[in-house]
């Protein structure tokens, strides 16, 4: 049996007729840049998250970069980010000439260590970017004591919520990626920013579109970072399925939890399981054994950001942030997606336990 890490084709097949229809609608209108499809998706997604404004952009990275830029982050400034994240979290900072200040993650859930983040604040610090990693909803309220803008990186946490707290309504703004593999994925690169700050929303709409307040009136030095109408149309269809697909992800995660005898991730309220990440010693050996059984896995992430070659000038050394460094050697993402079958999961579990008995 072959078990992929994720199966995008199954989701598209479920919605094929509706997706075909909206794509044909965009083609027929020939309005490919911004327009009514983008407006409609922005309103729907903002309402879903619980924010006043949605601003569609070309990627999750652009969402982070534009938001930090609109908040005044620039050369000489610092932004606090977790080292256990995808590189875009930090590269959005460096794209503005600012410096990412990395902090370690927590042992219990792999999320940003709040105490370390608050201790890292100094006069140069202009923002904090907590990440809802792997779909795990982080409570960002403790960061508010720093009196700094909080920008949520919610690229892996579409639909994560716990009571009235959601991934997207806790900071001054939240940034989402709609990369195809996300819980809510487009057919290419796409992203969005949500905020309830009217002034910030106005700035962001201008920045994404060459700094224009009106056509050919450029009040700011802006960017070409707009969301395509085709992507917005596809995302609007998928948004209506997101809660159901997240429920299926949780059910699949529960099945793993019930049957895996070791290595299970923490159970956190609000988790939408973008990834199901186990922690094991001899991770590379396990990955090879699962591959031999036809099971695709992933490593998120094999090298913490503070040790990436591109950030070497910042001076971090091995041992600087030890929890993330150790976890990078232990973490393995097992197949999990809304359409995974119990038969496929059982195949993963059996292969996992065969390796466990042999070690």
Protein backbone atom coordinates (compact mmCIF):
# COMPACT_ATOMS: atom_id res chain seq x y z
CA UNK A 1 0.00 0.00 0.00
CA UNK A 2 1.17 3.50 -0.88
CA UNK A 3 0.24 6.23 1.61
CA UNK A 4 1.09 9.82 0.66
CA UNK A 5 1.87 12.49 3.24
CA UNK A 6 -1.12 14.40 1.83
CA UNK A 7 -3.63 13.93 -0.99
CA UNK A 8 -4.74 17.16 -2.66
CA UNK A 9 -6.42 15.38 -5.57
CA UNK A 10 -9.02 13.79 -3.28
CA UNK A 11 -10.18 17.18 -2.03
CA UNK A 12 -10.41 18.57 -5.54
CA UNK A 13 -12.34 15.55 -6.74
CA UNK A 14 -14.91 16.05 -3.96
CA UNK A 15 -15.55 19.61 -5.18
CA UNK A 16 -14.83 19.15 -8.88
CA UNK A 17 -18.16 20.34 -10.30
CA UNK A 18 -18.30 23.49 -8.18
CA UNK A 19 -14.64 24.32 -8.75
CA UNK A 20 -15.04 23.89 -12.50
CA UNK A 21 -18.02 26.23 -12.43
CA UNK A 22 -16.32 29.07 -10.55
CA UNK A 23 -13.18 28.82 -12.66
CA UNK A 24 -15.26 29.06 -15.82
CA UNK A 25 -16.99 32.08 -14.31
CA UNK A 26 -13.69 33.89 -13.81
CA UNK A 27 -12.59 33.04 -17.33
CA UNK A 28 -15.88 34.27 -18.77
CA UNK A 29 -15.65 37.58 -16.88
CA UNK A 30 -11.95 38.00 -17.77
CA UNK A 31 -11.46 39.89 -14.49
CA UNK A 32 -8.34 38.15 -13.26
CA UNK A 33 -6.79 40.74 -10.90
CA UNK A 34 -8.72 41.72 -7.74
CA UNK A 35 -12.41 42.25 -8.62
CA UNK A 36 -15.64 40.77 -7.19
CA UNK A 37 -14.29 37.28 -6.48
CA UNK A 38 -11.51 38.70 -4.35
CA UNK A 39 -13.89 41.10 -2.57
CA UNK A 40 -16.32 38.28 -1.78
CA UNK A 41 -13.64 35.94 -0.47
CA UNK A 42 -12.06 38.66 1.67
CA UNK A 43 -15.40 39.38 3.36
CA UNK A 44 -16.19 35.70 3.88
CA UNK A 45 -12.77 34.83 5.28
CA UNK A 46 -12.66 37.83 7.63
CA UNK A 47 -16.11 36.91 8.96
CA UNK A 48 -15.01 33.29 9.40
CA UNK A 49 -11.96 34.33 11.44
CA UNK A 50 -13.85 36.97 13.42
CA UNK A 51 -12.13 40.08 12.07
CA UNK A 52 -13.48 43.22 10.43
CA UNK A 53 -11.24 43.21 7.36
CA UNK A 54 -9.67 40.70 5.02
CA UNK A 55 -6.96 41.69 2.57
CA UNK A 56 -6.07 39.11 -0.05
CA UNK A 57 -2.43 39.00 -1.10
CA UNK A 58 -0.18 36.90 -3.29
CA UNK A 59 1.34 34.66 -0.59
CA UNK A 60 1.65 34.10 3.12
CA UNK A 61 5.15 35.55 3.03
CA UNK A 62 3.85 38.76 1.46
CA UNK A 63 1.13 38.87 4.12
CA UNK A 64 3.77 38.92 6.87
CA UNK A 65 6.05 41.35 5.05
CA UNK A 66 3.32 43.85 4.20
CA UNK A 67 1.88 43.75 7.72
CA UNK A 68 5.23 44.41 9.36
CA UNK A 69 5.94 47.16 6.84
CA UNK A 70 2.59 48.80 7.54
CA UNK A 71 3.45 48.71 11.25
CA UNK A 72 6.63 50.66 10.56
CA UNK A 73 9.21 47.87 10.84
CA UNK A 74 12.37 48.72 8.91
CA UNK A 75 16.14 48.95 8.90
CA UNK A 76 17.68 48.69 12.36
CA UNK A 77 14.57 47.23 13.99
CA UNK A 78 14.13 43.80 15.53
CA UNK A 79 11.16 41.43 15.44
CA UNK A 80 10.85 38.47 17.80
CA UNK A 81 10.12 35.18 16.02
CA UNK A 82 10.31 31.50 17.01
CA UNK A 83 13.21 29.49 15.68
CA UNK A 84 10.91 26.49 15.21
CA UNK A 85 9.01 27.67 12.13
CA UNK A 86 9.19 27.82 8.36
CA UNK A 87 11.78 30.28 7.01
CA UNK A 88 9.13 32.71 5.72
CA UNK A 89 8.41 33.86 9.28
CA UNK A 90 11.93 35.28 9.57
CA UNK A 91 12.51 36.17 5.91
CA UNK A 92 9.56 38.55 6.00
CA UNK A 93 11.52 40.45 8.65
CA UNK A 94 14.83 40.49 6.77
CA UNK A 95 13.06 41.61 3.56
CA UNK A 96 12.42 44.92 5.34
CA UNK A 97 16.02 45.31 6.45
CA UNK A 98 15.12 44.40 10.03
CA UNK A 99 16.61 41.60 12.16
CA UNK A 100 14.77 38.50 13.42
CA UNK A 101 15.47 37.82 17.08
CA UNK A 102 15.00 34.10 17.52
CA UNK A 103 13.63 32.45 20.65
CA UNK A 104 13.30 28.80 21.58
CA UNK A 105 10.15 26.70 21.69
CA UNK A 106 8.36 25.06 24.60
CA UNK A 107 9.02 21.46 25.47
CA UNK A 108 5.35 20.61 25.89
CA UNK A 109 3.95 21.76 22.53
CA UNK A 110 6.79 23.04 20.27
CA UNK A 111 5.28 26.55 20.25
CA UNK A 112 7.15 29.79 20.98
CA UNK A 113 8.44 30.11 24.54
CA UNK A 114 6.58 33.11 25.95
CA UNK A 115 9.00 33.83 28.79
CA UNK A 116 11.99 33.82 26.45
CA UNK A 117 10.16 36.05 23.98
CA UNK A 118 9.31 38.63 26.63
CA UNK A 119 12.86 38.51 27.98
CA UNK A 120 14.19 39.22 24.46
CA UNK A 121 12.31 42.52 24.16
CA UNK A 122 14.51 45.61 24.03
CA UNK A 123 14.41 49.13 22.63
CA UNK A 124 14.90 47.95 19.03
CA UNK A 125 12.01 45.49 19.20
CA UNK A 126 9.07 46.60 17.07
CA UNK A 127 6.80 43.51 16.95
CA UNK A 128 6.30 39.92 18.11
CA UNK A 129 5.28 37.19 15.64
CA UNK A 130 3.94 34.08 17.43
CA UNK A 131 3.28 31.10 15.14
CA UNK A 132 0.33 28.70 15.42
CA UNK A 133 2.61 25.87 14.39
CA UNK A 134 1.28 22.59 12.93
CA UNK A 135 -2.28 23.85 13.44
CA UNK A 136 -1.82 24.28 17.21
CA UNK A 137 -3.66 27.32 18.52
CA UNK A 138 -1.41 29.49 20.68
CA UNK A 139 -2.84 31.87 23.27
CA UNK A 140 -1.02 35.12 22.52
CA UNK A 141 -2.48 37.08 25.45
CA UNK A 142 0.72 36.79 27.55
CA UNK A 143 2.65 38.71 24.89
CA UNK A 144 0.48 41.80 25.43
CA UNK A 145 2.46 42.79 28.51
CA UNK A 146 5.27 43.83 26.15
CA UNK A 147 3.07 46.61 24.69
CA UNK A 148 4.17 45.73 21.15
CA UNK A 149 2.16 44.88 18.03
CA UNK A 150 1.38 41.17 17.89
CA UNK A 151 1.22 39.75 14.38
CA UNK A 152 -0.05 36.18 14.31
CA UNK A 153 1.54 33.82 11.81
CA UNK A 154 -1.49 31.63 11.21
CA UNK A 155 -0.22 30.04 8.00
CA UNK A 156 -0.81 26.53 9.38
CA UNK A 157 -3.90 27.11 11.49
CA UNK A 158 -6.93 27.92 9.35
CA UNK A 159 -10.01 27.36 11.48
CA UNK A 160 -8.23 26.74 14.77
CA UNK A 161 -10.40 28.04 17.60
CA UNK A 162 -10.93 27.59 21.32
CA UNK A 163 -14.04 29.33 22.64
CA UNK A 164 -13.92 32.90 21.38
CA UNK A 165 -10.19 32.70 20.64
CA UNK A 166 -9.28 31.91 17.04
CA UNK A 167 -6.14 31.81 14.99
CA UNK A 168 -6.55 35.27 13.52
CA UNK A 169 -8.39 37.45 16.04
CA UNK A 170 -5.87 37.79 18.87
CA UNK A 171 -3.30 40.31 17.58
CA UNK A 172 -3.42 43.55 15.65
CA UNK A 173 -3.33 41.40 12.51
CA UNK A 174 -2.95 37.80 11.44
CA UNK A 175 -1.31 36.41 8.32
CA UNK A 176 -2.45 33.32 6.45
CA UNK A 177 -0.92 31.29 3.66
CA UNK A 178 -3.10 29.44 1.17
CA UNK A 179 -0.26 27.36 -0.24
CA UNK A 180 -1.95 24.29 -1.80
CA UNK A 181 -0.99 21.93 1.05
CA UNK A 182 -2.57 24.09 3.79
CA UNK A 183 -5.85 23.21 5.50
CA UNK A 184 -7.35 25.86 3.22
CA UNK A 185 -5.27 25.72 0.06
CA UNK A 186 -5.42 27.51 -3.27
CA UNK A 187 -4.27 26.25 -6.66
CA UNK A 188 -1.00 28.14 -6.34
CA UNK A 189 0.53 30.75 -4.08
CA UNK A 190 -1.96 32.96 -2.24
CA UNK A 191 -2.38 34.55 1.17
CA UNK A 192 -4.43 36.93 3.28
CA UNK A 193 -4.20 39.35 6.18
CA UNK A 194 -7.06 39.83 8.62
CA UNK A 195 -7.39 42.74 11.01
CA UNK A 196 -10.00 44.76 12.85
CA UNK A 197 -7.89 47.93 12.67
CA UNK A 198 -9.49 50.18 10.02
CA UNK A 199 -6.40 52.32 9.45
CA UNK A 200 -4.10 49.31 9.11
CA UNK A 201 -6.50 47.68 6.63
CA UNK A 202 -6.47 50.80 4.47
CA UNK A 203 -2.68 50.87 4.50
CA UNK A 204 -2.45 47.20 3.59
CA UNK A 205 -4.85 47.48 0.67
CA UNK A 206 -2.70 50.27 -0.72
CA UNK A 207 0.63 48.52 -0.11
CA UNK A 208 -0.43 45.33 -1.91
CA UNK A 209 -1.40 47.35 -5.02
CA UNK A 210 1.51 49.69 -5.78
CA UNK A 211 0.60 52.02 -2.91
CA UNK A 212 -2.49 53.28 -4.73
CA UNK A 213 -5.34 55.04 -2.95
CA UNK A 214 -7.09 55.38 -6.31
CA UNK A 215 -6.16 54.25 -9.79
CA UNK A 216 -2.80 55.80 -10.77
CA UNK A 217 -2.64 57.77 -7.50
CA UNK A 218 0.32 56.34 -5.56
CA UNK A 219 0.36 57.67 -2.00
CA UNK A 220 2.93 55.12 -0.84
CA UNK A 221 5.84 53.13 -2.23
CA UNK A 222 3.90 49.90 -2.62
CA UNK A 223 4.21 46.43 -4.11
CA UNK A 224 2.57 44.12 -6.58
CA UNK A 225 1.22 41.60 -4.06
CA UNK A 226 -2.41 41.14 -5.09
CA UNK A 227 -4.55 38.02 -4.78
CA UNK A 228 -5.66 36.62 -8.14
CA UNK A 229 -9.39 36.32 -8.80
CA UNK A 230 -8.98 32.68 -9.82
CA UNK A 231 -7.39 31.80 -6.48
CA UNK A 232 -10.07 33.72 -4.59
CA UNK A 233 -12.84 31.86 -6.40
CA UNK A 234 -11.28 28.49 -5.58
CA UNK A 235 -10.70 29.47 -1.95
CA UNK A 236 -14.30 30.64 -1.53
CA UNK A 237 -15.54 27.19 -2.52
CA UNK A 238 -13.11 25.42 -0.21
CA UNK A 239 -13.82 27.77 2.71
CA UNK A 240 -17.32 26.33 2.97
CA UNK A 241 -15.74 22.89 3.54
CA UNK A 242 -13.02 23.96 5.96
CA UNK A 243 -14.78 23.13 9.23
CA UNK A 244 -15.80 19.70 7.93
CA UNK A 245 -12.30 18.99 6.66
CA UNK A 246 -10.80 20.09 9.99
CA UNK A 247 -13.20 17.76 11.79
CA UNK A 248 -11.98 14.90 9.60
CA UNK A 249 -8.39 15.85 10.40
CA UNK A 250 -9.16 15.69 14.12
CA UNK A 251 -10.82 12.32 13.69
CA UNK A 252 -7.78 10.99 11.87
CA UNK A 253 -5.51 12.42 14.58
CA UNK A 254 -7.66 10.76 17.25
CA UNK A 255 -7.27 7.43 15.47
CA UNK A 256 -3.50 7.77 15.57
CA UNK A 257 -3.65 8.84 19.23
CA UNK A 258 -5.71 5.78 20.15
CA UNK A 259 -3.46 3.28 18.38
CA UNK A 260 0.10 4.61 18.51
CA UNK A 261 1.85 3.36 21.61
CA UNK A 262 4.55 6.06 21.78
CA UNK A 263 5.72 9.27 20.16
CA UNK A 264 2.29 10.91 20.09
CA UNK A 265 2.07 14.72 19.88
CA UNK A 266 0.35 16.75 22.62
CA UNK A 267 -3.43 17.05 22.55
CA UNK A 268 -4.34 20.73 22.47
CA UNK A 269 -7.81 22.24 22.36
CA UNK A 270 -8.41 23.97 19.05
CA UNK A 271 -5.73 22.04 17.14
CA UNK A 272 -6.67 21.60 13.46
CA UNK A 273 -3.80 19.18 12.76
CA UNK A 274 -2.23 20.75 9.73
CA UNK A 275 0.47 18.23 10.57
CA UNK A 276 0.56 15.18 12.84
CA UNK A 277 4.10 15.32 14.26
CA UNK A 278 5.50 12.45 16.33
CA UNK A 279 8.68 12.67 18.42
CA UNK A 280 11.01 9.67 18.33
CA UNK A 281 14.66 8.86 18.72
CA UNK A 282 16.33 7.46 15.61
CA UNK A 283 13.90 9.54 13.53
CA UNK A 284 15.83 9.07 10.29
CA UNK A 285 15.76 5.31 10.68
CA UNK A 286 12.00 5.38 11.25
CA UNK A 287 11.50 7.53 8.18
CA UNK A 288 13.47 5.05 6.08
CA UNK A 289 11.50 2.07 7.42
CA UNK A 290 8.20 3.77 6.69
CA UNK A 291 9.38 4.66 3.19
CA UNK A 292 10.19 1.00 2.59
CA UNK A 293 6.56 0.25 3.52
CA UNK A 294 5.30 2.76 0.94
CA UNK A 295 4.57 5.49 3.48
CA UNK A 296 5.55 9.08 2.74
CA UNK A 297 6.52 11.25 5.70
CA UNK A 298 7.90 14.75 6.22
CA UNK A 299 10.31 16.55 8.53
CA UNK A 300 9.04 19.93 9.74
CA UNK A 301 11.73 21.21 10.18
CA UNK A 302 15.19 19.57 9.92
CA UNK A 303 17.15 22.71 10.86
CA UNK A 304 15.99 25.46 13.26
CA UNK A 305 16.01 28.93 11.74
CA UNK A 306 18.78 30.29 13.95
CA UNK A 307 21.17 27.67 12.50
CA UNK A 308 20.21 28.16 8.85
CA UNK A 309 23.17 29.27 6.70
CA UNK A 310 21.36 32.43 5.59
CA UNK A 311 21.11 33.61 9.20
CA UNK A 312 24.72 32.77 10.13
CA UNK A 313 25.69 36.49 10.25
CA UNK A 314 23.39 36.86 13.26
CA UNK A 315 25.89 34.84 15.30
CA UNK A 316 23.77 32.01 16.70
CA UNK A 317 25.71 28.81 17.44
CA UNK A 318 24.68 25.18 18.06
CA UNK A 319 23.34 25.00 21.59
CA UNK A 320 21.95 28.55 21.51
CA UNK A 321 18.32 27.36 21.49
CA UNK A 322 18.58 23.74 22.62
CA UNK A 323 14.96 22.60 22.74
CA UNK A 324 14.28 23.42 19.10
CA UNK A 325 17.63 21.91 18.12
CA UNK A 326 16.81 18.62 19.82
CA UNK A 327 13.28 18.52 18.46
CA UNK A 328 14.57 19.08 14.93
CA UNK A 329 16.30 15.69 15.26
CA UNK A 330 13.23 13.92 16.66
CA UNK A 331 10.19 15.19 14.74
CA UNK A 332 8.50 13.28 11.94
CA UNK A 333 5.19 14.17 10.26
CA UNK A 334 2.94 11.19 9.52
CA UNK A 335 0.35 11.13 6.72
CA UNK A 336 -2.76 13.06 7.71
CA UNK A 337 -5.36 14.78 5.53
CA UNK A 338 -9.16 14.97 5.48
CA UNK A 339 -9.61 12.08 3.04
CA UNK A 340 -7.16 9.60 4.56
CA UNK A 341 -8.75 6.17 5.10
CA UNK A 342 -8.57 4.12 8.28
CA UNK A 343 -6.98 1.36 6.21
CA UNK A 344 -4.16 3.70 5.21
CA UNK A 345 -3.73 4.89 8.80
CA UNK A 346 -3.64 1.31 10.08
CA UNK A 347 -0.89 0.56 7.57
CA UNK A 348 1.09 3.48 8.99
CA UNK A 349 0.47 2.35 12.57
CA UNK A 350 1.50 -1.25 11.84
CA UNK A 351 4.72 -0.15 10.14
CA UNK A 352 5.44 2.27 12.99
CA UNK A 353 5.06 -0.47 15.59
CA UNK A 354 7.13 -2.97 13.59
CA UNK A 355 9.96 -0.45 13.71
CA UNK A 356 9.37 0.10 17.42
CA UNK A 357 9.61 -3.60 18.20
CA UNK A 358 12.82 -3.88 16.19
CA UNK A 359 14.61 -1.05 17.96
